[in-house]
PDB file of all heavy atoms in Angstrom:
ATOM      1  N   VAL A   1    -120.204 -48.688 144.606  1.00  0.00           N
ATOM      2  CA  VAL A   1    -121.017 -48.706 145.808  1.00  0.00           C
ATOM      3  C   VAL A   1    -121.543 -50.127 146.021  1.00  0.00           C
ATOM      4  O   VAL A   1    -122.327 -50.627 145.227  1.00  0.00           O
ATOM      5  CB  VAL A   1    -122.174 -47.713 145.700  1.00  0.00           C
ATOM      6  CG1 VAL A   1    -123.016 -47.743 146.961  1.00  0.00           C
ATOM      7  CG2 VAL A   1    -121.654 -46.310 145.436  1.00  0.00           C
ATOM      8  N   TRP A   2    -121.042 -50.754 147.082  1.00  0.00           N
ATOM      9  CA  TRP A   2    -121.524 -52.086 147.386  1.00  0.00           C
ATOM     10  C   TRP A   2    -122.945 -51.982 147.909  1.00  0.00           C
ATOM     11  O   TRP A   2    -123.349 -50.997 148.483  1.00  0.00           O
ATOM     12  CB  TRP A   2    -120.616 -52.772 148.405  1.00  0.00           C
ATOM     13  CG  TRP A   2    -120.914 -52.399 149.820  1.00  0.00           C
ATOM     14  CD1 TRP A   2    -121.604 -53.119 150.734  1.00  0.00           C
ATOM     15  CD2 TRP A   2    -120.526 -51.185 150.488  1.00  0.00           C
ATOM     16  NE1 TRP A   2    -121.670 -52.459 151.929  1.00  0.00           N
ATOM     17  CE2 TRP A   2    -121.029 -51.285 151.811  1.00  0.00           C
ATOM     18  CE3 TRP A   2    -119.829 -50.049 150.096  1.00  0.00           C
ATOM     19  CZ2 TRP A   2    -120.828 -50.257 152.729  1.00  0.00           C
ATOM     20  CZ3 TRP A   2    -119.635 -49.041 151.014  1.00  0.00           C
ATOM     21  CH2 TRP A   2    -120.127 -49.148 152.296  1.00  0.00           C
ATOM     22  N   ASN A   3    -123.680 -53.005 147.695  1.00  0.00           N
ATOM     23  CA  ASN A   3    -125.054 -53.035 148.177  1.00  0.00           C
ATOM     24  C   ASN A   3    -125.840 -51.813 147.714  1.00  0.00           C
ATOM     25  O   ASN A   3    -126.632 -51.235 148.447  1.00  0.00           O
ATOM     26  CB  ASN A   3    -125.099 -53.130 149.701  1.00  0.00           C
ATOM     27  CG  ASN A   3    -126.469 -53.544 150.209  1.00  0.00           C
ATOM     28  OD1 ASN A   3    -127.227 -54.232 149.530  1.00  0.00           O
ATOM     29  ND2 ASN A   3    -126.814 -53.089 151.402  1.00  0.00           N
ATOM     30  N   SER A   4    -125.568 -51.381 146.466  1.00  0.00           N
ATOM     31  CA  SER A   4    -126.251 -50.197 145.952  1.00  0.00           C
ATOM     32  C   SER A   4    -127.750 -50.445 145.874  1.00  0.00           C
ATOM     33  O   SER A   4    -128.202 -51.552 145.621  1.00  0.00           O
ATOM     34  CB  SER A   4    -125.700 -49.829 144.572  1.00  0.00           C
ATOM     35  OG  SER A   4    -125.889 -50.888 143.657  1.00  0.00           O
ATOM     36  N   LYS A   5    -128.499 -49.399 146.093  1.00  0.00           N
ATOM     37  CA  LYS A   5    -129.948 -49.502 146.156  1.00  0.00           C
ATOM     38  C   LYS A   5    -130.571 -49.050 144.848  1.00  0.00           C
ATOM     39  O   LYS A   5    -130.035 -48.212 144.136  1.00  0.00           O
ATOM     40  CB  LYS A   5    -130.470 -48.671 147.326  1.00  0.00           C
ATOM     41  CG  LYS A   5    -129.979 -49.168 148.687  1.00  0.00           C
ATOM     42  CD  LYS A   5    -130.418 -48.277 149.809  1.00  0.00           C
ATOM     43  CE  LYS A   5    -130.003 -48.847 151.167  1.00  0.00           C
ATOM     44  NZ  LYS A   5    -128.560 -49.078 151.287  1.00  0.00           N
ATOM     45  N   ARG A   6    -131.725 -49.617 144.556  1.00  0.00           N
ATOM     46  CA  ARG A   6    -132.441 -49.277 143.341  1.00  0.00           C
ATOM     47  C   ARG A   6    -133.907 -49.053 143.673  1.00  0.00           C
ATOM     48  O   ARG A   6    -134.519 -49.818 144.420  1.00  0.00           O
ATOM     49  CB  ARG A   6    -132.291 -50.369 142.283  1.00  0.00           C
ATOM     50  CG  ARG A   6    -133.068 -50.065 140.987  1.00  0.00           C
ATOM     51  CD  ARG A   6    -132.714 -51.026 139.880  1.00  0.00           C
ATOM     52  NE  ARG A   6    -133.015 -52.408 140.254  1.00  0.00           N
ATOM     53  CZ  ARG A   6    -132.984 -53.415 139.393  1.00  0.00           C
ATOM     54  NH1 ARG A   6    -132.640 -53.184 138.131  1.00  0.00           N
ATOM     55  NH2 ARG A   6    -133.268 -54.633 139.803  1.00  0.00           N
ATOM     56  N   ILE A   7    -134.454 -47.985 143.115  1.00  0.00           N
ATOM     57  CA  ILE A   7    -135.868 -47.668 143.274  1.00  0.00           C
ATOM     58  C   ILE A   7    -136.556 -47.860 141.928  1.00  0.00           C
ATOM     59  O   ILE A   7    -136.093 -47.367 140.907  1.00  0.00           O
ATOM     60  CB  ILE A   7    -136.069 -46.229 143.777  1.00  0.00           C
ATOM     61  CG1 ILE A   7    -135.480 -46.068 145.185  1.00  0.00           C
ATOM     62  CG2 ILE A   7    -137.546 -45.851 143.782  1.00  0.00           C
ATOM     63  CD1 ILE A   7    -135.532 -44.645 145.695  1.00  0.00           C
ATOM     64  N   ILE A   8    -137.674 -48.572 141.944  1.00  0.00           N
ATOM     65  CA  ILE A   8    -138.457 -48.818 140.735  1.00  0.00           C
ATOM     66  C   ILE A   8    -139.787 -48.090 140.869  1.00  0.00           C
ATOM     67  O   ILE A   8    -140.463 -48.204 141.895  1.00  0.00           O
ATOM     68  CB  ILE A   8    -138.682 -50.325 140.522  1.00  0.00           C
ATOM     69  CG1 ILE A   8    -137.336 -51.044 140.420  1.00  0.00           C
ATOM     70  CG2 ILE A   8    -139.508 -50.582 139.260  1.00  0.00           C
ATOM     71  CD1 ILE A   8    -137.448 -52.538 140.463  1.00  0.00           C
ATOM     72  N   VAL A   9    -140.150 -47.341 139.839  1.00  0.00           N
ATOM     73  CA  VAL A   9    -141.384 -46.569 139.850  1.00  0.00           C
ATOM     74  C   VAL A   9    -142.253 -46.968 138.662  1.00  0.00           C
ATOM     75  O   VAL A   9    -141.839 -47.734 137.794  1.00  0.00           O
ATOM     76  CB  VAL A   9    -141.098 -45.053 139.822  1.00  0.00           C
ATOM     77  CG1 VAL A   9    -140.362 -44.627 141.094  1.00  0.00           C
ATOM     78  CG2 VAL A   9    -140.247 -44.689 138.597  1.00  0.00           C
ATOM     79  N   GLU A  10    -143.474 -46.392 138.618  1.00  0.00           N
ATOM     80  CA  GLU A  10    -144.447 -46.794 137.608  1.00  0.00           C
ATOM     81  C   GLU A  10    -144.224 -46.153 136.248  1.00  0.00           C
ATOM     82  O   GLU A  10    -144.535 -46.745 135.214  1.00  0.00           O
ATOM     83  CB  GLU A  10    -145.861 -46.462 138.089  1.00  0.00           C
ATOM     84  CG  GLU A  10    -146.363 -47.294 139.255  1.00  0.00           C
ATOM     85  CD  GLU A  10    -147.824 -47.024 139.530  1.00  0.00           C
ATOM     86  OE1 GLU A  10    -148.623 -47.049 138.568  1.00  0.00           O
ATOM     87  OE2 GLU A  10    -148.182 -46.769 140.694  1.00  0.00           O
ATOM     88  N   ASP A  11    -143.716 -44.909 136.221  1.00  0.00           N
ATOM     89  CA  ASP A  11    -143.600 -44.202 134.951  1.00  0.00           C
ATOM     90  C   ASP A  11    -142.441 -43.217 134.988  1.00  0.00           C
ATOM     91  O   ASP A  11    -141.796 -43.021 136.022  1.00  0.00           O
ATOM     92  CB  ASP A  11    -144.908 -43.474 134.608  1.00  0.00           C
ATOM     93  CG  ASP A  11    -145.398 -42.598 135.759  1.00  0.00           C
ATOM     94  OD1 ASP A  11    -144.615 -41.777 136.249  1.00  0.00           O
ATOM     95  OD2 ASP A  11    -146.578 -42.744 136.157  1.00  0.00           O
ATOM     96  N   ASP A  12    -142.171 -42.576 133.854  1.00  0.00           N
ATOM     97  CA  ASP A  12    -141.022 -41.679 133.751  1.00  0.00           C
ATOM     98  C   ASP A  12    -141.209 -40.391 134.547  1.00  0.00           C
ATOM     99  O   ASP A  12    -140.233 -39.781 134.994  1.00  0.00           O
ATOM    100  CB  ASP A  12    -140.712 -41.370 132.284  1.00  0.00           C
ATOM    101  CG  ASP A  12    -141.906 -40.827 131.529  1.00  0.00           C
ATOM    102  OD1 ASP A  12    -143.024 -40.788 132.095  1.00  0.00           O
ATOM    103  OD2 ASP A  12    -141.744 -40.462 130.349  1.00  0.00           O
ATOM    104  N   MET A  13    -142.465 -39.932 134.741  1.00  0.00           N
ATOM    105  CA  MET A  13    -142.698 -38.739 135.544  1.00  0.00           C
ATOM    106  C   MET A  13    -142.298 -38.993 137.002  1.00  0.00           C
ATOM    107  O   MET A  13    -141.616 -38.178 137.626  1.00  0.00           O
ATOM    108  CB  MET A  13    -144.164 -38.311 135.475  1.00  0.00           C
ATOM    109  CG  MET A  13    -144.512 -37.104 136.375  1.00  0.00           C
ATOM    110  SD  MET A  13    -143.636 -35.580 135.915  1.00  0.00           S
ATOM    111  CE  MET A  13    -144.608 -35.095 134.488  1.00  0.00           C
ATOM    112  N   ALA A  14    -142.723 -40.135 137.550  1.00  0.00           N
ATOM    113  CA  ALA A  14    -142.330 -40.496 138.907  1.00  0.00           C
ATOM    114  C   ALA A  14    -140.817 -40.655 139.010  1.00  0.00           C
ATOM    115  O   ALA A  14    -140.203 -40.282 140.011  1.00  0.00           O
ATOM    116  CB  ALA A  14    -143.030 -41.789 139.328  1.00  0.00           C
ATOM    117  N   GLN A  15    -140.193 -41.186 137.961  1.00  0.00           N
ATOM    118  CA  GLN A  15    -138.744 -41.339 137.929  1.00  0.00           C
ATOM    119  C   GLN A  15    -138.057 -39.973 138.061  1.00  0.00           C
ATOM    120  O   GLN A  15    -137.108 -39.808 138.830  1.00  0.00           O
ATOM    121  CB  GLN A  15    -138.314 -42.038 136.643  1.00  0.00           C
ATOM    122  CG  GLN A  15    -136.805 -42.290 136.550  1.00  0.00           C
ATOM    123  CD  GLN A  15    -136.412 -42.878 135.192  1.00  0.00           C
ATOM    124  OE1 GLN A  15    -137.006 -42.544 134.166  1.00  0.00           O
ATOM    125  NE2 GLN A  15    -135.426 -43.757 135.193  1.00  0.00           N
ATOM    126  N   SER A  16    -138.544 -38.980 137.311  1.00  0.00           N
ATOM    127  CA  SER A  16    -137.947 -37.648 137.353  1.00  0.00           C
ATOM    128  C   SER A  16    -138.092 -37.023 138.733  1.00  0.00           C
ATOM    129  O   SER A  16    -137.176 -36.384 139.246  1.00  0.00           O
ATOM    130  CB  SER A  16    -138.603 -36.757 136.294  1.00  0.00           C
ATOM    131  OG  SER A  16    -138.399 -37.269 134.992  1.00  0.00           O
ATOM    132  N   ILE A  17    -139.261 -37.207 139.357  1.00  0.00           N
ATOM    133  CA  ILE A  17    -139.511 -36.616 140.669  1.00  0.00           C
ATOM    134  C   ILE A  17    -138.597 -37.232 141.718  1.00  0.00           C
ATOM    135  O   ILE A  17    -137.974 -36.527 142.515  1.00  0.00           O
ATOM    136  CB  ILE A  17    -140.993 -36.798 141.054  1.00  0.00           C
ATOM    137  CG1 ILE A  17    -141.881 -35.958 140.137  1.00  0.00           C
ATOM    138  CG2 ILE A  17    -141.216 -36.422 142.518  1.00  0.00           C
ATOM    139  CD1 ILE A  17    -143.361 -36.215 140.327  1.00  0.00           C
ATOM    140  N   VAL A  18    -138.504 -38.561 141.734  1.00  0.00           N
ATOM    141  CA  VAL A  18    -137.677 -39.240 142.725  1.00  0.00           C
ATOM    142  C   VAL A  18    -136.206 -38.888 142.525  1.00  0.00           C
ATOM    143  O   VAL A  18    -135.469 -38.662 143.495  1.00  0.00           O
ATOM    144  CB  VAL A  18    -137.894 -40.759 142.663  1.00  0.00           C
ATOM    145  CG1 VAL A  18    -136.936 -41.474 143.617  1.00  0.00           C
ATOM    146  CG2 VAL A  18    -139.334 -41.109 143.017  1.00  0.00           C
ATOM    147  N   LYS A  19    -135.754 -38.818 141.268  1.00  0.00           N
ATOM    148  CA  LYS A  19    -134.365 -38.433 140.998  1.00  0.00           C
ATOM    149  C   LYS A  19    -134.069 -37.030 141.527  1.00  0.00           C
ATOM    150  O   LYS A  19    -132.995 -36.765 142.074  1.00  0.00           O
ATOM    151  CB  LYS A  19    -134.082 -38.493 139.495  1.00  0.00           C
ATOM    152  CG  LYS A  19    -133.778 -39.881 138.967  1.00  0.00           C
ATOM    153  CD  LYS A  19    -133.325 -39.815 137.521  1.00  0.00           C
ATOM    154  CE  LYS A  19    -132.844 -41.171 137.031  1.00  0.00           C
ATOM    155  NZ  LYS A  19    -132.348 -41.099 135.632  1.00  0.00           N
ATOM    156  N   ARG A  20    -135.031 -36.125 141.360  1.00  0.00           N
ATOM    157  CA  ARG A  20    -134.835 -34.755 141.833  1.00  0.00           C
ATOM    158  C   ARG A  20    -134.699 -34.727 143.364  1.00  0.00           C
ATOM    159  O   ARG A  20    -133.856 -34.013 143.913  1.00  0.00           O
ATOM    160  CB  ARG A  20    -136.001 -33.880 141.396  1.00  0.00           C
ATOM    161  CG  ARG A  20    -135.912 -32.423 141.882  1.00  0.00           C
ATOM    162  CD  ARG A  20    -134.663 -31.741 141.277  1.00  0.00           C
ATOM    163  NE  ARG A  20    -134.546 -30.375 141.752  1.00  0.00           N
ATOM    164  CZ  ARG A  20    -135.111 -29.337 141.150  1.00  0.00           C
ATOM    165  NH1 ARG A  20    -135.817 -29.533 140.028  1.00  0.00           N
ATOM    166  NH2 ARG A  20    -134.960 -28.113 141.633  1.00  0.00           N
ATOM    167  N   VAL A  21    -135.502 -35.513 144.048  1.00  0.00           N
ATOM    168  CA  VAL A  21    -135.411 -35.587 145.505  1.00  0.00           C
ATOM    169  C   VAL A  21    -134.051 -36.131 145.935  1.00  0.00           C
ATOM    170  O   VAL A  21    -133.418 -35.615 146.858  1.00  0.00           O
ATOM    171  CB  VAL A  21    -136.549 -36.454 146.077  1.00  0.00           C
ATOM    172  CG1 VAL A  21    -136.348 -36.662 147.576  1.00  0.00           C
ATOM    173  CG2 VAL A  21    -137.902 -35.814 145.810  1.00  0.00           C
ATOM    174  N   LEU A  22    -133.569 -37.174 145.253  1.00  0.00           N
ATOM    175  CA  LEU A  22    -132.273 -37.750 145.573  1.00  0.00           C
ATOM    176  C   LEU A  22    -131.153 -36.747 145.345  1.00  0.00           C
ATOM    177  O   LEU A  22    -130.183 -36.694 146.110  1.00  0.00           O
ATOM    178  CB  LEU A  22    -132.037 -39.012 144.735  1.00  0.00           C
ATOM    179  CG  LEU A  22    -132.949 -40.203 145.034  1.00  0.00           C
ATOM    180  CD1 LEU A  22    -132.704 -41.320 144.029  1.00  0.00           C
ATOM    181  CD2 LEU A  22    -132.752 -40.711 146.453  1.00  0.00           C
ATOM    182  N   GLU A  23    -131.263 -35.951 144.298  1.00  0.00           N
ATOM    183  CA  GLU A  23    -130.274 -34.900 144.041  1.00  0.00           C
ATOM    184  C   GLU A  23    -130.257 -33.876 145.169  1.00  0.00           C
ATOM    185  O   GLU A  23    -129.190 -33.456 145.623  1.00  0.00           O
ATOM    186  CB  GLU A  23    -130.560 -34.222 142.707  1.00  0.00           C
ATOM    187  CG  GLU A  23    -130.293 -35.085 141.482  1.00  0.00           C
ATOM    188  CD  GLU A  23    -130.729 -34.405 140.195  1.00  0.00           C
ATOM    189  OE1 GLU A  23    -131.218 -33.248 140.277  1.00  0.00           O
ATOM    190  OE2 GLU A  23    -130.601 -35.010 139.110  1.00  0.00           O
ATOM    191  N   GLU A  24    -131.440 -33.462 145.610  1.00  0.00           N
ATOM    192  CA  GLU A  24    -131.539 -32.474 146.681  1.00  0.00           C
ATOM    193  C   GLU A  24    -130.917 -33.003 147.968  1.00  0.00           C
ATOM    194  O   GLU A  24    -130.302 -32.250 148.724  1.00  0.00           O
ATOM    195  CB  GLU A  24    -133.002 -32.099 146.921  1.00  0.00           C
ATOM    196  CG  GLU A  24    -133.665 -31.327 145.789  1.00  0.00           C
ATOM    197  CD  GLU A  24    -133.182 -29.914 145.671  1.00  0.00           C
ATOM    198  OE1 GLU A  24    -132.729 -29.381 146.689  1.00  0.00           O
ATOM    199  OE2 GLU A  24    -133.254 -29.334 144.565  1.00  0.00           O
ATOM    200  N   GLU A  25    -131.073 -34.309 148.231  1.00  0.00           N
ATOM    201  CA  GLU A  25    -130.544 -34.921 149.446  1.00  0.00           C
ATOM    202  C   GLU A  25    -129.125 -35.439 149.259  1.00  0.00           C
ATOM    203  O   GLU A  25    -128.562 -36.038 150.183  1.00  0.00           O
ATOM    204  CB  GLU A  25    -131.459 -36.060 149.899  1.00  0.00           C
ATOM    205  CG  GLU A  25    -132.870 -35.630 150.265  1.00  0.00           C
ATOM    206  CD  GLU A  25    -132.909 -34.711 151.458  1.00  0.00           C
ATOM    207  OE1 GLU A  25    -132.060 -34.861 152.361  1.00  0.00           O
ATOM    208  OE2 GLU A  25    -133.802 -33.828 151.507  1.00  0.00           O
ATOM    209  N   GLU A  26    -128.529 -35.229 148.078  1.00  0.00           N
ATOM    210  CA  GLU A  26    -127.173 -35.688 147.771  1.00  0.00           C
ATOM    211  C   GLU A  26    -127.026 -37.202 147.942  1.00  0.00           C
ATOM    212  O   GLU A  26    -126.023 -37.711 148.433  1.00  0.00           O
ATOM    213  CB  GLU A  26    -126.143 -34.959 148.632  1.00  0.00           C
ATOM    214  CG  GLU A  26    -126.124 -33.452 148.412  1.00  0.00           C
ATOM    215  CD  GLU A  26    -125.056 -32.751 149.224  1.00  0.00           C
ATOM    216  OE1 GLU A  26    -124.469 -33.398 150.112  1.00  0.00           O
ATOM    217  OE2 GLU A  26    -124.818 -31.558 148.989  1.00  0.00           O
ATOM    218  N   LEU A  27    -128.043 -37.937 147.526  1.00  0.00           N
ATOM    219  CA  LEU A  27    -128.040 -39.389 147.629  1.00  0.00           C
ATOM    220  C   LEU A  27    -128.005 -40.074 146.273  1.00  0.00           C
ATOM    221  O   LEU A  27    -128.002 -41.304 146.200  1.00  0.00           O
ATOM    222  CB  LEU A  27    -129.279 -39.866 148.403  1.00  0.00           C
ATOM    223  CG  LEU A  27    -129.371 -39.434 149.865  1.00  0.00           C
ATOM    224  CD1 LEU A  27    -130.709 -39.844 150.451  1.00  0.00           C
ATOM    225  CD2 LEU A  27    -128.234 -40.021 150.676  1.00  0.00           C
ATOM    226  N   GLU A  28    -127.956 -39.307 145.202  1.00  0.00           N
ATOM    227  CA  GLU A  28    -128.032 -39.885 143.867  1.00  0.00           C
ATOM    228  C   GLU A  28    -126.915 -40.882 143.558  1.00  0.00           C
ATOM    229  O   GLU A  28    -127.165 -41.889 142.886  1.00  0.00           O
ATOM    230  CB  GLU A  28    -128.052 -38.769 142.821  1.00  0.00           C
ATOM    231  CG  GLU A  28    -128.466 -39.263 141.448  1.00  0.00           C
ATOM    232  CD  GLU A  28    -128.500 -38.171 140.407  1.00  0.00           C
ATOM    233  OE1 GLU A  28    -127.857 -37.129 140.638  1.00  0.00           O
ATOM    234  OE2 GLU A  28    -129.156 -38.338 139.374  1.00  0.00           O
TER     235      GLU A  28
END
C-alpha cells in the first residue's frame, strides 16, 4: 500500500480500540 497511513496513540488500550474500529470498517 503506497502512502500507507499510520495512527499513533497514547497506550495499548487505545491501540486495541482503534484497531477494532478499523476492522469493523474494513480499513485495517
